[in-house]
C-alpha atoms as a PDB file:
ATOM      1  CA  MET A   1      12.761  34.375   5.006  1.00  0.00           C
ATOM      2  CA  LEU A   2       8.800  35.911   6.035  1.00  0.00           C
ATOM      3  CA  ASP A   3       8.227  37.306   9.088  1.00  0.00           C
ATOM      4  CA  ASP A   4       4.892  36.267  11.352  1.00  0.00           C
ATOM      5  CA  ARG A   5       2.794  39.133   9.692  1.00  0.00           C
ATOM      6  CA  PHE A   6       2.053  36.711   6.882  1.00  0.00           C
ATOM      7  CA  THR A   7       1.086  33.523   9.360  1.00  0.00           C
ATOM      8  CA  VAL A   8      -2.798  34.662   9.251  1.00  0.00           C
ATOM      9  CA  THR A   9      -2.974  34.370   5.466  1.00  0.00           C
ATOM     10  CA  PRO A  10      -1.325  30.976   4.682  1.00  0.00           C
ATOM     11  CA  ALA A  11      -2.077  31.131   0.654  1.00  0.00           C
ATOM     12  CA  ALA A  12      -0.602  34.715   0.335  1.00  0.00           C
ATOM     13  CA  ARG A  13       2.885  33.322   2.303  1.00  0.00           C
ATOM     14  CA  PHE A  14       2.743  30.481   0.097  1.00  0.00           C
ATOM     15  CA  ALA A  15       2.536  32.123  -2.916  1.00  0.00           C
ATOM     16  CA  LEU A  16       5.213  34.806  -1.784  1.00  0.00           C
ATOM     17  CA  GLU A  17       7.595  31.819  -0.698  1.00  0.00           C
ATOM     18  CA  CYS A  18       6.985  30.180  -3.585  1.00  0.00           C
ATOM     19  CA  ALA A  19       8.343  33.451  -5.830  1.00  0.00           C
ATOM     20  CA  LEU A  20      11.168  33.971  -3.314  1.00  0.00           C
ATOM     21  CA  LEU A  21      12.536  30.126  -3.293  1.00  0.00           C
ATOM     22  CA  ASP A  22      12.306  30.125  -7.103  1.00  0.00           C
ATOM     23  CA  LEU A  23      14.700  33.117  -7.279  1.00  0.00           C
ATOM     24  CA  LEU A  24      17.166  31.748  -4.605  1.00  0.00           C
ATOM     25  CA  SER A  25      17.230  28.424  -6.137  1.00  0.00           C
ATOM     26  CA  GLN A  26      18.090  29.865  -9.421  1.00  0.00           C
ATOM     27  CA  VAL A  27      20.717  32.011  -7.994  1.00  0.00           C
ATOM     28  CA  GLU A  28      22.027  29.023  -6.118  1.00  0.00           C
ATOM     29  CA  GLY A  29      21.751  27.117  -9.746  1.00  0.00           C
ATOM     30  CA  VAL A  30      19.781  24.195  -8.484  1.00  0.00           C
ATOM     31  CA  PRO A  31      16.464  22.832  -8.935  1.00  0.00           C
ATOM     32  CA  LEU A  32      14.106  24.106  -6.117  1.00  0.00           C
ATOM     33  CA  ARG A  33      13.554  20.615  -4.644  1.00  0.00           C
ATOM     34  CA  ARG A  34      17.450  20.229  -4.052  1.00  0.00           C
ATOM     35  CA  LEU A  35      17.430  23.679  -2.438  1.00  0.00           C
ATOM     36  CA  LEU A  36      14.622  22.177  -0.024  1.00  0.00           C
ATOM     37  CA  ALA A  37      16.435  18.652   0.291  1.00  0.00           C
ATOM     38  CA  GLY A  38      19.408  17.407  -1.255  1.00  0.00           C
ATOM     39  CA  ASP A  39      18.205  13.922  -2.109  1.00  0.00           C
ATOM     40  CA  ALA A  40      14.974  14.948  -3.530  1.00  0.00           C
ATOM     41  CA  SER A  41      13.689  12.747  -6.485  1.00  0.00           C
ATOM     42  CA  ASP A  42      13.312  13.654 -10.382  1.00  0.00           C
ATOM     43  CA  ALA A  43       9.781  12.399 -10.503  1.00  0.00           C
ATOM     44  CA  VAL A  44       6.890  12.511  -8.459  1.00  0.00           C
ATOM     45  CA  SER A  45       4.388   9.605  -8.563  1.00  0.00           C
ATOM     46  CA  VAL A  46       0.689  10.887  -8.712  1.00  0.00           C
ATOM     47  CA  ASN A  47      -2.828   9.442  -8.239  1.00  0.00           C
ATOM     48  CA  GLY A  48      -5.808  10.221 -11.005  1.00  0.00           C
ATOM     49  CA  ILE A  49      -8.604  11.831  -9.866  1.00  0.00           C
ATOM     50  CA  LEU A  50     -11.986  10.482 -10.933  1.00  0.00           C
ATOM     51  CA  GLY A  51     -14.874  12.367  -9.157  1.00  0.00           C
ATOM     52  CA  ALA A  52     -17.541  11.071  -7.417  1.00  0.00           C
ATOM     53  CA  LEU A  53     -18.238   7.048  -7.238  1.00  0.00           C
ATOM     54  CA  ALA A  54     -22.005   7.842  -8.260  1.00  0.00           C
ATOM     55  CA  THR A  55     -20.724   8.619 -12.064  1.00  0.00           C
ATOM     56  CA  LEU A  56     -17.958   6.347 -12.135  1.00  0.00           C
ATOM     57  CA  LYS A  57     -17.618   3.467 -14.677  1.00  0.00           C
ATOM     58  CA  ALA A  58     -15.469   0.690 -15.279  1.00  0.00           C
ATOM     59  CA  ALA A  59     -14.142   2.201 -18.633  1.00  0.00           C
ATOM     60  CA  ASP A  60     -13.264   5.176 -16.359  1.00  0.00           C
ATOM     61  CA  LEU A  61     -10.957   3.002 -14.606  1.00  0.00           C
ATOM     62  CA  GLN A  62      -9.117   1.474 -17.585  1.00  0.00           C
ATOM     63  CA  ARG A  63      -8.554   4.720 -19.115  1.00  0.00           C
ATOM     64  CA  ALA A  64      -6.888   5.889 -15.838  1.00  0.00           C
ATOM     65  CA  ALA A  65      -4.971   2.945 -15.821  1.00  0.00           C
ATOM     66  CA  GLY A  66      -4.100   3.173 -19.315  1.00  0.00           C
ATOM     67  CA  THR A  67      -2.440   6.528 -18.556  1.00  0.00           C
ATOM     68  CA  GLY A  68      -0.200   4.999 -15.953  1.00  0.00           C
ATOM     69  CA  PHE A  69      -2.450   5.580 -12.673  1.00  0.00           C
ATOM     70  CA  ILE A  70      -2.252   2.761 -10.176  1.00  0.00           C
ATOM     71  CA  VAL A  71      -3.963   4.805  -7.602  1.00  0.00           C
ATOM     72  CA  VAL A  72      -6.972   6.590  -8.361  1.00  0.00           C
ATOM     73  CA  LYS A  73      -9.018   9.249  -6.031  1.00  0.00           C
ATOM     74  CA  ILE A  74     -13.071   8.754  -5.816  1.00  0.00           C
ATOM     75  CA  LYS A  75     -15.450  11.065  -3.523  1.00  0.00           C
ATOM     76  CA  ILE A  76     -17.749   8.786  -1.824  1.00  0.00           C
ATOM     77  CA  GLY A  77     -20.319   9.485   1.222  1.00  0.00           C
ATOM     78  CA  VAL A  78     -22.511  11.173  -1.166  1.00  0.00           C
ATOM     79  CA  GLU A  79     -25.213   8.088  -1.778  1.00  0.00           C
ATOM     80  CA  GLU A  80     -26.384   5.817   1.170  1.00  0.00           C
ATOM     81  CA  PRO A  81     -23.492   3.493   2.261  1.00  0.00           C
ATOM     82  CA  ASP A  82     -25.300   0.284   0.947  1.00  0.00           C
ATOM     83  CA  SER A  83     -25.652   1.670  -2.714  1.00  0.00           C
ATOM     84  CA  GLU A  84     -22.164   2.965  -2.353  1.00  0.00           C
ATOM     85  CA  ILE A  85     -20.616  -0.176  -1.266  1.00  0.00           C
ATOM     86  CA  ALA A  86     -22.386  -2.069  -3.671  1.00  0.00           C
ATOM     87  CA  ARG A  87     -20.773   0.166  -6.329  1.00  0.00           C
ATOM     88  CA  LEU A  88     -17.417  -0.187  -5.078  1.00  0.00           C
ATOM     89  CA  THR A  89     -17.651  -4.183  -4.991  1.00  0.00           C
ATOM     90  CA  ALA A  90     -18.870  -4.471  -8.488  1.00  0.00           C
ATOM     91  CA  LEU A  91     -16.108  -1.988  -9.659  1.00  0.00           C
ATOM     92  CA  ALA A  92     -13.620  -4.278  -7.868  1.00  0.00           C
ATOM     93  CA  LEU A  93     -14.705  -7.083  -9.987  1.00  0.00           C
ATOM     94  CA  VAL A  94     -13.479  -5.041 -13.248  1.00  0.00           C
ATOM     95  CA  MET A  95     -10.686  -2.851 -12.288  1.00  0.00           C
ATOM     96  CA  PRO A  96      -7.196  -3.577 -13.167  1.00  0.00           C
ATOM     97  CA  ALA A  97      -5.735  -6.226 -10.678  1.00  0.00           C
ATOM     98  CA  ALA A  98      -2.889  -3.362  -9.712  1.00  0.00           C
ATOM     99  CA  MET A  99      -5.082  -0.426  -9.253  1.00  0.00           C
ATOM    100  CA  ARG A 100      -6.063   0.749  -5.893  1.00  0.00           C
ATOM    101  CA  LEU A 101      -8.763   3.246  -4.725  1.00  0.00           C
ATOM    102  CA  ARG A 102      -8.195   6.386  -2.852  1.00  0.00           C
ATOM    103  CA  LEU A 103     -11.392   7.205  -1.165  1.00  0.00           C
ATOM    104  CA  ASP A 104     -12.453  10.557   0.296  1.00  0.00           C
ATOM    105  CA  ALA A 105     -15.506  10.658   2.358  1.00  0.00           C
ATOM    106  CA  ASN A 106     -14.940  14.256   3.404  1.00  0.00           C
ATOM    107  CA  GLY A 107     -16.277  13.980   6.860  1.00  0.00           C
ATOM    108  CA  ALA A 108     -19.696  12.444   5.608  1.00  0.00           C
ATOM    109  CA  TRP A 109     -20.162   9.807   8.746  1.00  0.00           C
ATOM    110  CA  GLY A 110     -20.335   9.467  12.406  1.00  0.00           C
ATOM    111  CA  PHE A 111     -18.653   6.907  14.414  1.00  0.00           C
ATOM    112  CA  GLU A 112     -20.878   4.063  14.320  1.00  0.00           C
ATOM    113  CA  GLU A 113     -21.909   4.027  10.744  1.00  0.00           C
ATOM    114  CA  ALA A 114     -18.229   4.472  10.109  1.00  0.00           C
ATOM    115  CA  CYS A 115     -17.685   1.487  11.876  1.00  0.00           C
ATOM    116  CA  ARG A 116     -20.080  -0.297   9.820  1.00  0.00           C
ATOM    117  CA  ILE A 117     -18.598   1.259   6.355  1.00  0.00           C
ATOM    118  CA  LEU A 118     -14.911  -0.096   7.038  1.00  0.00           C
ATOM    119  CA  ASP A 119     -15.911  -3.651   8.016  1.00  0.00           C
ATOM    120  CA  ARG A 120     -18.188  -3.661   4.653  1.00  0.00           C
ATOM    121  CA  LEU A 121     -14.787  -2.372   2.858  1.00  0.00           C
ATOM    122  CA  THR A 122     -12.589  -5.163   4.172  1.00  0.00           C
ATOM    123  CA  GLY A 123     -11.031  -6.930   1.286  1.00  0.00           C
ATOM    124  CA  LEU A 124     -11.677  -4.396  -1.341  1.00  0.00           C
ATOM    125  CA  PRO A 125      -8.752  -2.759  -3.463  1.00  0.00           C
ATOM    126  CA  ILE A 126      -8.671   0.158  -1.110  1.00  0.00           C
ATOM    127  CA  GLU A 127      -5.107   2.215  -0.866  1.00  0.00           C
ATOM    128  CA  SER A 128      -6.454   4.584   1.574  1.00  0.00           C
ATOM    129  CA  LEU A 129      -9.824   6.219   3.209  1.00  0.00           C
ATOM    130  CA  GLU A 130      -9.633  10.300   3.987  1.00  0.00           C
ATOM    131  CA  GLU A 131     -11.998  12.102   6.505  1.00  0.00           C
ATOM    132  CA  PRO A 132     -14.319   9.272   7.533  1.00  0.00           C
ATOM    133  CA  LEU A 133     -15.732  11.321  10.235  1.00  0.00           C
ATOM    134  CA  ARG A 134     -18.057  14.286  10.675  1.00  0.00           C
ATOM    135  CA  ILE A 135     -16.608  14.970  13.958  1.00  0.00           C
ATOM    136  CA  PRO A 136     -12.790  13.998  13.928  1.00  0.00           C
ATOM    137  CA  ASP A 137     -12.206  13.104  17.207  1.00  0.00           C
ATOM    138  CA  PRO A 138      -8.627  11.306  17.264  1.00  0.00           C
ATOM    139  CA  SER A 139      -9.482   8.544  19.839  1.00  0.00           C
ATOM    140  CA  ARG A 140     -12.652   7.590  17.369  1.00  0.00           C
ATOM    141  CA  LEU A 141     -10.171   7.863  14.592  1.00  0.00           C
ATOM    142  CA  HIS A 142      -7.871   5.478  16.293  1.00  0.00           C
ATOM    143  CA  ALA A 143     -10.499   3.202  16.907  1.00  0.00           C
ATOM    144  CA  LEU A 144     -11.423   3.189  13.124  1.00  0.00           C
ATOM    145  CA  GLN A 145      -7.846   2.840  12.122  1.00  0.00           C
ATOM    146  CA  GLU A 146      -7.562  -0.115  14.450  1.00  0.00           C
ATOM    147  CA  ARG A 147     -10.590  -1.353  12.613  1.00  0.00           C
ATOM    148  CA  ALA A 148      -9.520  -0.899   9.119  1.00  0.00           C
ATOM    149  CA  ASP A 149      -6.747  -2.724   6.909  1.00  0.00           C
ATOM    150  CA  PHE A 150      -5.649   0.237   5.067  1.00  0.00           C
ATOM    151  CA  PRO A 151      -4.560   3.700   6.244  1.00  0.00           C
ATOM    152  CA  LEU A 152      -6.826   6.248   7.333  1.00  0.00           C
ATOM    153  CA  ALA A 153      -5.927   9.946   6.385  1.00  0.00           C
ATOM    154  CA  ARG A 154      -6.534  13.260   7.820  1.00  0.00           C
ATOM    155  CA  ASP A 155      -6.840  16.460   5.238  1.00  0.00           C
ATOM    156  CA  GLU A 156      -9.028  19.649   6.268  1.00  0.00           C
ATOM    157  CA  SER A 157      -9.280  18.376   9.752  1.00  0.00           C
ATOM    158  CA  LEU A 158      -5.551  19.250  10.163  1.00  0.00           C
ATOM    159  CA  ALA A 159      -6.767  23.212   9.719  1.00  0.00           C
ATOM    160  CA  GLY A 160      -6.484  25.272  12.969  1.00  0.00           C
ATOM    161  CA  LEU A 161      -4.143  22.472  14.849  1.00  0.00           C
ATOM    162  CA  SER A 162      -1.079  23.807  16.635  1.00  0.00           C
ATOM    163  CA  ALA A 163       2.298  23.994  14.692  1.00  0.00           C
ATOM    164  CA  ASP A 164       3.914  21.681  17.429  1.00  0.00           C
ATOM    165  CA  MET A 165       0.922  19.012  17.677  1.00  0.00           C
ATOM    166  CA  ASP A 166       1.889  15.509  18.412  1.00  0.00           C
ATOM    167  CA  LEU A 167       1.105  14.093  15.007  1.00  0.00           C
ATOM    168  CA  GLY A 168       1.330  10.689  16.817  1.00  0.00           C
ATOM    169  CA  GLY A 169      -1.964  11.402  18.458  1.00  0.00           C
ATOM    170  CA  LEU A 170      -3.652  12.274  15.438  1.00  0.00           C
ATOM    171  CA  GLY A 171      -5.579   9.083  15.420  1.00  0.00           C
ATOM    172  CA  VAL A 172      -4.448   7.809  11.496  1.00  0.00           C
ATOM    173  CA  ARG A 173      -1.711   6.720   9.690  1.00  0.00           C
ATOM    174  CA  ARG A 174      -1.475   9.051   7.084  1.00  0.00           C
ATOM    175  CA  ILE A 175      -1.773  13.024   6.579  1.00  0.00           C
ATOM    176  CA  VAL A 176      -2.581  14.975   3.541  1.00  0.00           C
ATOM    177  CA  ILE A 177      -0.580  18.254   3.403  1.00  0.00           C
ATOM    178  CA  LYS A 178      -1.441  21.263   1.377  1.00  0.00           C
ATOM    179  CA  PRO A 179       1.408  24.251   1.358  1.00  0.00           C
ATOM    180  CA  ALA A 180      -1.166  26.608   0.701  1.00  0.00           C
ATOM    181  CA  VAL A 181      -3.307  25.742   3.814  1.00  0.00           C
ATOM    182  CA  VAL A 182      -0.273  25.214   5.804  1.00  0.00           C
ATOM    183  CA  GLY A 183       1.781  28.672   4.708  1.00  0.00           C
ATOM    184  CA  GLY A 184       4.211  27.616   2.303  1.00  0.00           C
ATOM    185  CA  LEU A 185       6.622  25.142   1.162  1.00  0.00           C
ATOM    186  CA  ARG A 186       9.078  25.138   4.457  1.00  0.00           C
ATOM    187  CA  SER A 187       6.166  24.534   6.622  1.00  0.00           C
ATOM    188  CA  ALA A 188       4.810  21.823   4.861  1.00  0.00           C
ATOM    189  CA  LEU A 189       8.432  20.455   4.496  1.00  0.00           C
ATOM    190  CA  ASP A 190       8.893  20.489   8.398  1.00  0.00           C
ATOM    191  CA  LEU A 191       5.486  19.017   8.929  1.00  0.00           C
ATOM    192  CA  SER A 192       6.405  16.138   6.271  1.00  0.00           C
ATOM    193  CA  ARG A 193       9.525  15.516   8.349  1.00  0.00           C
ATOM    194  CA  ARG A 194       7.751  15.586  11.779  1.00  0.00           C
ATOM    195  CA  ALA A 195       5.433  13.148  10.208  1.00  0.00           C
ATOM    196  CA  THR A 196       7.690  10.556   9.080  1.00  0.00           C
ATOM    197  CA  THR A 197       9.432  10.829  12.298  1.00  0.00           C
ATOM    198  CA  ALA A 198       5.954   9.818  13.860  1.00  0.00           C
ATOM    199  CA  GLY A 199       5.549   6.750  11.660  1.00  0.00           C
ATOM    200  CA  ILE A 200       2.881   8.701   9.703  1.00  0.00           C
ATOM    201  CA  GLU A 201       2.751   8.837   6.063  1.00  0.00           C
ATOM    202  CA  VAL A 202       2.545  11.746   3.971  1.00  0.00           C
ATOM    203  CA  VAL A 203       0.616  12.702   0.556  1.00  0.00           C
ATOM    204  CA  VAL A 204       1.134  16.066  -0.658  1.00  0.00           C
ATOM    205  CA  THR A 205      -1.602  17.726  -2.617  1.00  0.00           C
ATOM    206  CA  GLY A 206      -2.504  20.951  -4.140  1.00  0.00           C
ATOM    207  CA  VAL A 207      -5.801  23.235  -4.242  1.00  0.00           C
ATOM    208  CA  VAL A 208      -6.088  23.354  -7.974  1.00  0.00           C
ATOM    209  CA  GLU A 209      -3.210  25.967  -8.444  1.00  0.00           C
ATOM    210  CA  SER A 210      -2.368  27.139 -11.705  1.00  0.00           C
ATOM    211  CA  ALA A 211       1.311  26.011 -13.256  1.00  0.00           C
ATOM    212  CA  ALA A 212       2.781  28.849 -10.742  1.00  0.00           C
ATOM    213  CA  GLY A 213       1.695  27.181  -7.435  1.00  0.00           C
ATOM    214  CA  LEU A 214       1.649  23.368  -8.961  1.00  0.00           C
ATOM    215  CA  TRP A 215       5.467  23.333 -10.117  1.00  0.00           C
ATOM    216  CA  PRO A 216       6.830  24.391  -6.643  1.00  0.00           C
ATOM    217  CA  THR A 217       4.199  22.014  -4.951  1.00  0.00           C
ATOM    218  CA  ALA A 218       5.694  19.260  -7.313  1.00  0.00           C
ATOM    219  CA  GLN A 219       9.029  20.336  -6.344  1.00  0.00           C
ATOM    220  CA  LEU A 220       7.896  19.919  -2.275  1.00  0.00           C
ATOM    221  CA  ALA A 221       6.574  16.468  -3.115  1.00  0.00           C
ATOM    222  CA  ALA A 222       9.838  15.572  -4.442  1.00  0.00           C
ATOM    223  CA  ALA A 223      11.609  16.703  -1.933  1.00  0.00           C
ATOM    224  CA  SER A 224       9.412  15.088   1.040  1.00  0.00           C
ATOM    225  CA  GLY A 225      10.961  11.594   0.620  1.00  0.00           C
ATOM    226  CA  SER A 226       7.187  10.153   0.284  1.00  0.00           C
ATOM    227  CA  MET A 227       6.737   7.552  -2.792  1.00  0.00           C
ATOM    228  CA  LEU A 228       3.419   7.839  -2.229  1.00  0.00           C
ATOM    229  CA  PRO A 229       0.938   8.815  -5.205  1.00  0.00           C
ATOM    230  CA  HIS A 230       0.661  12.749  -4.662  1.00  0.00           C
ATOM    231  CA  GLY A 231      -2.619  14.430  -5.306  1.00  0.00           C
ATOM    232  CA  LEU A 232      -1.261  16.889  -8.205  1.00  0.00           C
ATOM    233  CA  ALA A 233      -2.451  15.578 -11.375  1.00  0.00           C
ATOM    234  CA  THR A 234      -5.078  18.457 -11.398  1.00  0.00           C
ATOM    235  CA  SER A 235      -3.634  20.948 -14.615  1.00  0.00           C
ATOM    236  CA  ASP A 236      -6.107  19.588 -16.939  1.00  0.00           C
ATOM    237  CA  TRP A 237      -9.057  21.014 -14.579  1.00  0.00           C
ATOM    238  CA  LEU A 238      -8.255  24.611 -15.937  1.00  0.00           C
ATOM    239  CA  ALA A 239      -9.385  25.892 -19.221  1.00  0.00           C
ATOM    240  CA  GLU A 240      -6.407  28.475 -19.333  1.00  0.00           C
ATOM    241  CA  ASP A 241      -3.247  28.265 -17.223  1.00  0.00           C
ATOM    242  CA  LEU A 242      -0.480  30.869 -16.520  1.00  0.00           C
ATOM    243  CA  GLY A 243       2.110  28.879 -17.847  1.00  0.00           C
ATOM    244  CA  VAL A 244       3.003  25.171 -19.131  1.00  0.00           C
ATOM    245  CA  PRO A 245       2.621  22.594 -16.114  1.00  0.00           C
ATOM    246  CA  PRO A 246       4.725  19.681 -15.132  1.00  0.00           C
ATOM    247  CA  ARG A 247       4.564  17.201 -18.026  1.00  0.00           C
ATOM    248  CA  LEU A 248       2.677  13.973 -16.818  1.00  0.00           C
ATOM    249  CA  HIS A 249       3.978  10.786 -18.216  1.00  0.00           C
ATOM    250  CA  GLY A 250       3.070   7.395 -17.051  1.00  0.00           C
ATOM    251  CA  GLY A 251       1.461   8.401 -13.656  1.00  0.00           C
ATOM    252  CA  SER A 252       4.456  10.607 -12.934  1.00  0.00           C
ATOM    253  CA  LEU A 253       5.407  14.386 -13.022  1.00  0.00           C
ATOM    254  CA  SER A 254       8.519  15.006 -14.698  1.00  0.00           C
ATOM    255  CA  LEU A 255      11.058  17.495 -13.150  1.00  0.00           C
ATOM    256  CA  SER A 256      13.840  18.977 -14.814  1.00  0.00           C
ATOM    257  CA  GLU A 257      17.443  19.988 -13.696  1.00  0.00           C
ATOM    258  CA  ARG A 258      16.796  23.359 -14.904  1.00  0.00           C
ATOM    259  CA  PRO A 259      17.356  25.785 -11.616  1.00  0.00           C
ATOM    260  CA  GLY A 260      14.192  27.023  -9.984  1.00  0.00           C
ATOM    261  CA  SER A 261      10.783  25.740  -9.468  1.00  0.00           C
ATOM    262  CA  GLY A 262      10.465  24.910 -13.278  1.00  0.00           C
ATOM    263  CA  PHE A 263       7.389  27.601 -13.782  1.00  0.00           C
ATOM    264  CA  ARG A 264       7.783  29.782 -16.908  1.00  0.00           C
ATOM    265  CA  PRO A 265       4.807  32.053 -17.548  1.00  0.00           C
ATOM    266  CA  HIS A 266       3.003  31.882 -20.989  1.00  0.00           C
ATOM    267  CA  PRO A 267       4.469  35.107 -23.126  1.00  0.00           C
ATOM    268  CA  GLU A 268       1.373  37.063 -22.934  1.00  0.00           C
ATOM    269  CA  TRP A 269       1.303  36.778 -18.812  1.00  0.00           C
ATOM    270  CA  ASN A 270       4.617  38.412 -18.799  1.00  0.00           C
ATOM    271  CA  THR A 271       4.509  41.779 -17.644  1.00  0.00           C
ATOM    272  CA  SER A 272       8.114  42.490 -16.839  1.00  0.00           C
ATOM    273  CA  PRO A 273       9.289  45.698 -18.511  1.00  0.00           C
ATOM    274  CA  GLU A 274      10.962  45.541 -22.025  1.00  0.00           C
END
């Protein structure tokens, strides 16, 4: 549908492809997710996003649980490891029993430090840990993954890797896919399917798009077949939006049967000629 001229601008390619696939799915009379995959689900589980560990309190976890989130994402690797391990241990004692913590270190640690931290995280209610290493060497990530009793994930460190990369050689059990980074919904879906074939878990997330980008990204997550909570609960970060985002209910985004992506612009943003 799009030629190679757009590959050097993946976010622009994503936006244009979303618009074209939205139109195509309306012409076909099916929701966008079913244009991508006939067996797509009708709801997408999402994780809560609670920010930095240093500012997190037990009440924040209770509120997230009340909303229906069973997995919450927390940024770590900001304070000294001893302080962060102490905070996580204290939170584990008071957090809801069914809740799990999705940690994101954003490449904060060297290998030896990461080994020590992983050893101390054993037994805590950790759902996964993203980007533990400052230098994401696959062999060292593999060594860390063998050490951990939960999945390690690659996100930002996937950028720049070739389209035909061996996903089984990434060193981790999970990847995080951002369609605006990989160049569109179809590229993201292809990557998701290849990962699944290689035994790698998949989480779909956005880059804090407006409703115009969040709707098709949610449709992609529904088509991916991954039942893990996805990183798409970001609509309330925006003071204003181009349209109404997918409805969050009980920790899931509900997707309608209406043909297209589901996005409809607010009337004041509609610039079509009368």
